[in-house]
Amino acid sequence: MQPAKETPQHLSLERKLKLHEARESIIGRLAADLPKSINLDTFLKVIVAELGQMMEVDRCDIIKLSPEGELVVSHEWRASDSVPSSINVHVPVDVATLSQYIDIKKPIRINDTSASTLDHKVRFFAKSLGTRSLLIVPVVLDEEVLGLIGLHQTRAPRVWTDEEVAFLVSI
């Protein structure tokens, strides 16, 4: 019997198991540290590294909304030094205006950042970061977006599966 192959919208059973094992590992590591105080900076560095490796991406980052109304990349993990860095990138944004066009409380998938159907500003920004595919997952607490997790492919476009998105939302 041959193992199930991954298709653009379905993950193999082996890949699903790896994702769930990684999720349990993250939860286990966090639970072990709960009785002690958690250093937020260290915690976020661990999260981007674990998620980046688990999702087999080129770059994983944490994006925070600054008091000045900018999106700022505060933490990052890169698969190699050849992957362009996005650390400390600032993106001016009017969240109220943005919210009129997209629901920032839901994941955003861009399978191919060079697609002509995308706004030219999005294409330009993605190209400046070397991003070919992007998945943004919001971190939401009580209906408030605390930040965003960005997953980037830089070498080639990638189709983000429903299962991958659901998995990340579950974390």
C-alpha atoms as a PDB file:
ATOM      1  CA  MET A   1       0.000   0.000   0.000  1.00  0.00           C
ATOM      2  CA  GLN A   2       1.416   3.368  -1.079  1.00  0.00           C
ATOM      3  CA  PRO A   3       1.276   6.385   1.255  1.00  0.00           C
ATOM      4  CA  ALA A   4      -1.269   9.030   0.326  1.00  0.00           C
ATOM      5  CA  LYS A   5       0.223  11.811  -1.774  1.00  0.00           C
ATOM      6  CA  GLU A   6      -0.166  15.456  -0.917  1.00  0.00           C
ATOM      7  CA  THR A   7      -2.298  17.434  -3.313  1.00  0.00           C
ATOM      8  CA  PRO A   8      -2.650  21.216  -3.304  1.00  0.00           C
ATOM      9  CA  GLN A   9      -5.704  20.961  -1.020  1.00  0.00           C
ATOM     10  CA  HIS A  10      -4.977  17.775   0.981  1.00  0.00           C
ATOM     11  CA  LEU A  11      -2.087  16.732   3.153  1.00  0.00           C
ATOM     12  CA  SER A  12      -0.796  13.183   3.384  1.00  0.00           C
ATOM     13  CA  LEU A  13      -1.558  11.253   6.552  1.00  0.00           C
ATOM     14  CA  GLU A  14       2.149  11.316   7.393  1.00  0.00           C
ATOM     15  CA  ARG A  15       2.257  15.143   7.087  1.00  0.00           C
ATOM     16  CA  LYS A  16      -0.921  15.480   9.212  1.00  0.00           C
ATOM     17  CA  LEU A  17       0.649  13.314  11.919  1.00  0.00           C
ATOM     18  CA  LYS A  18       3.836  15.403  11.857  1.00  0.00           C
ATOM     19  CA  LEU A  19       1.811  18.605  12.211  1.00  0.00           C
ATOM     20  CA  HIS A  20      -0.165  17.244  15.147  1.00  0.00           C
ATOM     21  CA  GLU A  21       2.981  15.911  16.831  1.00  0.00           C
ATOM     22  CA  ALA A  22       4.597  19.327  16.430  1.00  0.00           C
ATOM     23  CA  ARG A  23       1.488  21.019  17.847  1.00  0.00           C
ATOM     24  CA  GLU A  24       1.565  18.730  20.887  1.00  0.00           C
ATOM     25  CA  SER A  25       5.284  19.444  21.286  1.00  0.00           C
ATOM     26  CA  ILE A  26       4.663  23.204  21.323  1.00  0.00           C
ATOM     27  CA  ILE A  27       1.820  22.839  23.806  1.00  0.00           C
ATOM     28  CA  GLY A  28       3.917  20.505  25.977  1.00  0.00           C
ATOM     29  CA  ARG A  29       6.866  22.899  26.022  1.00  0.00           C
ATOM     30  CA  LEU A  30       4.600  25.790  26.953  1.00  0.00           C
ATOM     31  CA  ALA A  31       2.777  23.826  29.646  1.00  0.00           C
ATOM     32  CA  ALA A  32       6.081  22.859  31.272  1.00  0.00           C
ATOM     33  CA  ASP A  33       6.945  26.562  31.669  1.00  0.00           C
ATOM     34  CA  LEU A  34       3.550  27.764  32.883  1.00  0.00           C
ATOM     35  CA  PRO A  35       4.316  27.534  36.611  1.00  0.00           C
ATOM     36  CA  LYS A  36       7.227  29.943  36.053  1.00  0.00           C
ATOM     37  CA  SER A  37       7.057  33.385  34.553  1.00  0.00           C
ATOM     38  CA  ILE A  38       7.375  33.441  30.767  1.00  0.00           C
ATOM     39  CA  ASN A  39       9.749  35.817  29.023  1.00  0.00           C
ATOM     40  CA  LEU A  40       7.642  37.110  26.109  1.00  0.00           C
ATOM     41  CA  ASP A  41      10.623  37.741  23.827  1.00  0.00           C
ATOM     42  CA  THR A  42      11.949  34.197  24.326  1.00  0.00           C
ATOM     43  CA  PHE A  43       8.444  32.763  23.947  1.00  0.00           C
ATOM     44  CA  LEU A  44       7.906  34.529  20.592  1.00  0.00           C
ATOM     45  CA  LYS A  45      11.329  33.453  19.303  1.00  0.00           C
ATOM     46  CA  VAL A  46      10.473  29.816  20.130  1.00  0.00           C
ATOM     47  CA  ILE A  47       7.052  30.123  18.480  1.00  0.00           C
ATOM     48  CA  VAL A  48       8.357  31.492  15.153  1.00  0.00           C
ATOM     49  CA  ALA A  49      11.125  28.876  15.042  1.00  0.00           C
ATOM     50  CA  GLU A  50       8.784  25.981  15.849  1.00  0.00           C
ATOM     51  CA  LEU A  51       6.063  27.112  13.436  1.00  0.00           C
ATOM     52  CA  GLY A  52       8.539  27.896  10.664  1.00  0.00           C
ATOM     53  CA  GLN A  53      10.149  24.478  10.864  1.00  0.00           C
ATOM     54  CA  MET A  54       6.877  22.637  11.382  1.00  0.00           C
ATOM     55  CA  MET A  55       5.237  24.306   8.373  1.00  0.00           C
ATOM     56  CA  GLU A  56       8.381  23.880   6.249  1.00  0.00           C
ATOM     57  CA  VAL A  57       8.451  27.538   5.218  1.00  0.00           C
ATOM     58  CA  ASP A  58      11.343  29.841   4.378  1.00  0.00           C
ATOM     59  CA  ARG A  59      10.437  32.549   6.887  1.00  0.00           C
ATOM     60  CA  CYS A  60       8.036  32.854   9.818  1.00  0.00           C
ATOM     61  CA  ASP A  61       7.439  36.127  11.589  1.00  0.00           C
ATOM     62  CA  ILE A  62       5.395  37.860  14.256  1.00  0.00           C
ATOM     63  CA  ILE A  63       3.748  41.095  13.182  1.00  0.00           C
ATOM     64  CA  LYS A  64       2.495  43.531  15.808  1.00  0.00           C
ATOM     65  CA  LEU A  65       0.383  46.665  15.470  1.00  0.00           C
ATOM     66  CA  SER A  66       2.362  49.566  16.914  1.00  0.00           C
ATOM     67  CA  PRO A  67       0.749  52.473  18.790  1.00  0.00           C
ATOM     68  CA  GLU A  68       1.645  54.661  15.793  1.00  0.00           C
ATOM     69  CA  GLY A  69      -0.610  52.559  13.563  1.00  0.00           C
ATOM     70  CA  GLU A  70       2.090  50.553  11.812  1.00  0.00           C
ATOM     71  CA  LEU A  71       2.492  46.846  11.356  1.00  0.00           C
ATOM     72  CA  VAL A  72       5.957  45.928  12.644  1.00  0.00           C
ATOM     73  CA  VAL A  73       7.789  42.627  12.248  1.00  0.00           C
ATOM     74  CA  SER A  74       9.084  42.040  15.771  1.00  0.00           C
ATOM     75  CA  HIS A  75      10.327  38.432  15.645  1.00  0.00           C
ATOM     76  CA  GLU A  76      11.487  36.239  12.803  1.00  0.00           C
ATOM     77  CA  TRP A  77      12.831  32.800  11.971  1.00  0.00           C
ATOM     78  CA  ARG A  78      14.482  32.054   8.617  1.00  0.00           C
ATOM     79  CA  ALA A  79      15.250  28.631   7.185  1.00  0.00           C
ATOM     80  CA  SER A  80      18.656  29.918   6.037  1.00  0.00           C
ATOM     81  CA  ASP A  81      20.671  33.108   5.816  1.00  0.00           C
ATOM     82  CA  SER A  82      19.896  33.258   2.081  1.00  0.00           C
ATOM     83  CA  VAL A  83      16.241  34.038   2.900  1.00  0.00           C
ATOM     84  CA  PRO A  84      15.732  37.820   2.998  1.00  0.00           C
ATOM     85  CA  SER A  85      15.076  39.183   6.477  1.00  0.00           C
ATOM     86  CA  SER A  86      11.921  41.093   7.358  1.00  0.00           C
ATOM     87  CA  ILE A  87      12.839  41.883  10.959  1.00  0.00           C
ATOM     88  CA  ASN A  88      11.872  45.432  12.013  1.00  0.00           C
ATOM     89  CA  VAL A  89      10.025  46.112   8.748  1.00  0.00           C
ATOM     90  CA  HIS A  90       7.415  48.825   9.350  1.00  0.00           C
ATOM     91  CA  VAL A  91       4.244  48.983   7.251  1.00  0.00           C
ATOM     92  CA  PRO A  92       2.057  52.061   7.709  1.00  0.00           C
ATOM     93  CA  VAL A  93      -1.569  50.932   7.793  1.00  0.00           C
ATOM     94  CA  ASP A  94      -4.954  52.351   8.642  1.00  0.00           C
ATOM     95  CA  VAL A  95      -6.602  49.372  10.339  1.00  0.00           C
ATOM     96  CA  ALA A  96     -10.080  50.914  10.067  1.00  0.00           C
ATOM     97  CA  THR A  97      -9.722  51.338   6.286  1.00  0.00           C
ATOM     98  CA  LEU A  98      -8.091  47.922   5.903  1.00  0.00           C
ATOM     99  CA  SER A  99     -10.946  46.321   7.845  1.00  0.00           C
ATOM    100  CA  GLN A 100     -13.402  47.626   5.243  1.00  0.00           C
ATOM    101  CA  TYR A 101     -11.733  45.440   2.597  1.00  0.00           C
ATOM    102  CA  ILE A 102     -10.625  42.362   4.512  1.00  0.00           C
ATOM    103  CA  ASP A 103     -11.513  40.683   7.781  1.00  0.00           C
ATOM    104  CA  ILE A 104      -8.225  40.837   9.689  1.00  0.00           C
ATOM    105  CA  LYS A 105      -9.622  38.352  12.199  1.00  0.00           C
ATOM    106  CA  LYS A 106      -9.440  35.624   9.552  1.00  0.00           C
ATOM    107  CA  PRO A 107      -6.428  34.038   7.852  1.00  0.00           C
ATOM    108  CA  ILE A 108      -5.225  35.576   4.587  1.00  0.00           C
ATOM    109  CA  ARG A 109      -3.743  33.315   1.911  1.00  0.00           C
ATOM    110  CA  ILE A 110      -1.782  34.541  -1.060  1.00  0.00           C
ATOM    111  CA  ASN A 111      -0.599  31.518  -3.010  1.00  0.00           C
ATOM    112  CA  ASP A 112       1.244  33.556  -5.651  1.00  0.00           C
ATOM    113  CA  THR A 113       2.272  37.105  -4.812  1.00  0.00           C
ATOM    114  CA  SER A 114       3.048  37.847  -8.455  1.00  0.00           C
ATOM    115  CA  ALA A 115      -0.551  37.191  -9.589  1.00  0.00           C
ATOM    116  CA  SER A 116      -1.841  40.039 -11.759  1.00  0.00           C
ATOM    117  CA  THR A 117      -5.137  39.975  -9.830  1.00  0.00           C
ATOM    118  CA  LEU A 118      -3.397  41.308  -6.702  1.00  0.00           C
ATOM    119  CA  ASP A 119      -3.142  45.004  -5.985  1.00  0.00           C
ATOM    120  CA  HIS A 120       0.161  46.347  -7.343  1.00  0.00           C
ATOM    121  CA  LYS A 121       1.151  47.607  -3.864  1.00  0.00           C
ATOM    122  CA  VAL A 122       0.808  44.088  -2.456  1.00  0.00           C
ATOM    123  CA  ARG A 123       2.874  42.643  -5.334  1.00  0.00           C
ATOM    124  CA  PHE A 124       5.572  45.310  -4.881  1.00  0.00           C
ATOM    125  CA  PHE A 125       5.758  44.848  -1.107  1.00  0.00           C
ATOM    126  CA  ALA A 126       5.917  41.049  -1.383  1.00  0.00           C
ATOM    127  CA  LYS A 127       8.663  41.304  -4.000  1.00  0.00           C
ATOM    128  CA  SER A 128      10.672  43.672  -1.793  1.00  0.00           C
ATOM    129  CA  LEU A 129      10.614  41.008   0.960  1.00  0.00           C
ATOM    130  CA  GLY A 130      11.371  38.184  -1.468  1.00  0.00           C
ATOM    131  CA  THR A 131       8.009  36.568  -0.688  1.00  0.00           C
ATOM    132  CA  ARG A 132       6.432  34.336  -3.355  1.00  0.00           C
ATOM    133  CA  SER A 133       3.590  32.962  -1.191  1.00  0.00           C
ATOM    134  CA  LEU A 134       2.210  34.315   2.056  1.00  0.00           C
ATOM    135  CA  LEU A 135      -0.100  33.039   4.754  1.00  0.00           C
ATOM    136  CA  ILE A 136      -1.115  35.454   7.504  1.00  0.00           C
ATOM    137  CA  VAL A 137      -2.858  34.048  10.569  1.00  0.00           C
ATOM    138  CA  PRO A 138      -4.227  36.467  13.159  1.00  0.00           C
ATOM    139  CA  VAL A 139      -3.694  35.937  16.880  1.00  0.00           C
ATOM    140  CA  VAL A 140      -7.094  36.808  18.357  1.00  0.00           C
ATOM    141  CA  LEU A 141      -8.164  37.069  21.991  1.00  0.00           C
ATOM    142  CA  ASP A 142     -11.743  38.015  22.873  1.00  0.00           C
ATOM    143  CA  GLU A 143     -12.402  39.397  19.367  1.00  0.00           C
ATOM    144  CA  GLU A 144      -9.266  41.599  19.526  1.00  0.00           C
ATOM    145  CA  VAL A 145      -6.398  41.015  17.111  1.00  0.00           C
ATOM    146  CA  LEU A 146      -3.225  40.943  19.231  1.00  0.00           C
ATOM    147  CA  GLY A 147      -0.890  40.373  16.299  1.00  0.00           C
ATOM    148  CA  LEU A 148      -0.310  38.320  13.180  1.00  0.00           C
ATOM    149  CA  ILE A 149       1.819  35.336  12.271  1.00  0.00           C
ATOM    150  CA  GLY A 150       3.269  35.494   8.776  1.00  0.00           C
ATOM    151  CA  LEU A 151       4.472  32.407   6.935  1.00  0.00           C
ATOM    152  CA  HIS A 152       6.479  33.021   3.762  1.00  0.00           C
ATOM    153  CA  GLN A 153       7.745  30.940   0.863  1.00  0.00           C
ATOM    154  CA  THR A 154      10.503  32.749  -1.003  1.00  0.00           C
ATOM    155  CA  ARG A 155      11.728  30.251  -3.612  1.00  0.00           C
ATOM    156  CA  ALA A 156       8.476  29.379  -5.380  1.00  0.00           C
ATOM    157  CA  PRO A 157       4.721  29.871  -5.018  1.00  0.00           C
ATOM    158  CA  ARG A 158       2.923  27.554  -2.607  1.00  0.00           C
ATOM    159  CA  VAL A 159      -0.706  26.572  -2.285  1.00  0.00           C
ATOM    160  CA  TRP A 160      -1.738  26.865   1.365  1.00  0.00           C
ATOM    161  CA  THR A 161      -4.129  24.028   2.170  1.00  0.00           C
ATOM    162  CA  ASP A 162      -7.314  24.335   4.201  1.00  0.00           C
ATOM    163  CA  GLU A 163      -5.828  21.779   6.611  1.00  0.00           C
ATOM    164  CA  GLU A 164      -2.668  23.860   7.165  1.00  0.00           C
ATOM    165  CA  VAL A 165      -4.745  26.988   7.813  1.00  0.00           C
ATOM    166  CA  ALA A 166      -7.100  25.161  10.196  1.00  0.00           C
ATOM    167  CA  PHE A 167      -4.111  23.686  12.025  1.00  0.00           C
ATOM    168  CA  LEU A 168      -2.500  27.103  12.543  1.00  0.00           C
ATOM    169  CA  VAL A 169      -5.775  28.634  13.695  1.00  0.00           C
ATOM    170  CA  SER A 170      -6.129  25.803  16.237  1.00  0.00           C
ATOM    171  CA  ILE A 171      -2.781  26.732  17.824  1.00  0.00           C
END
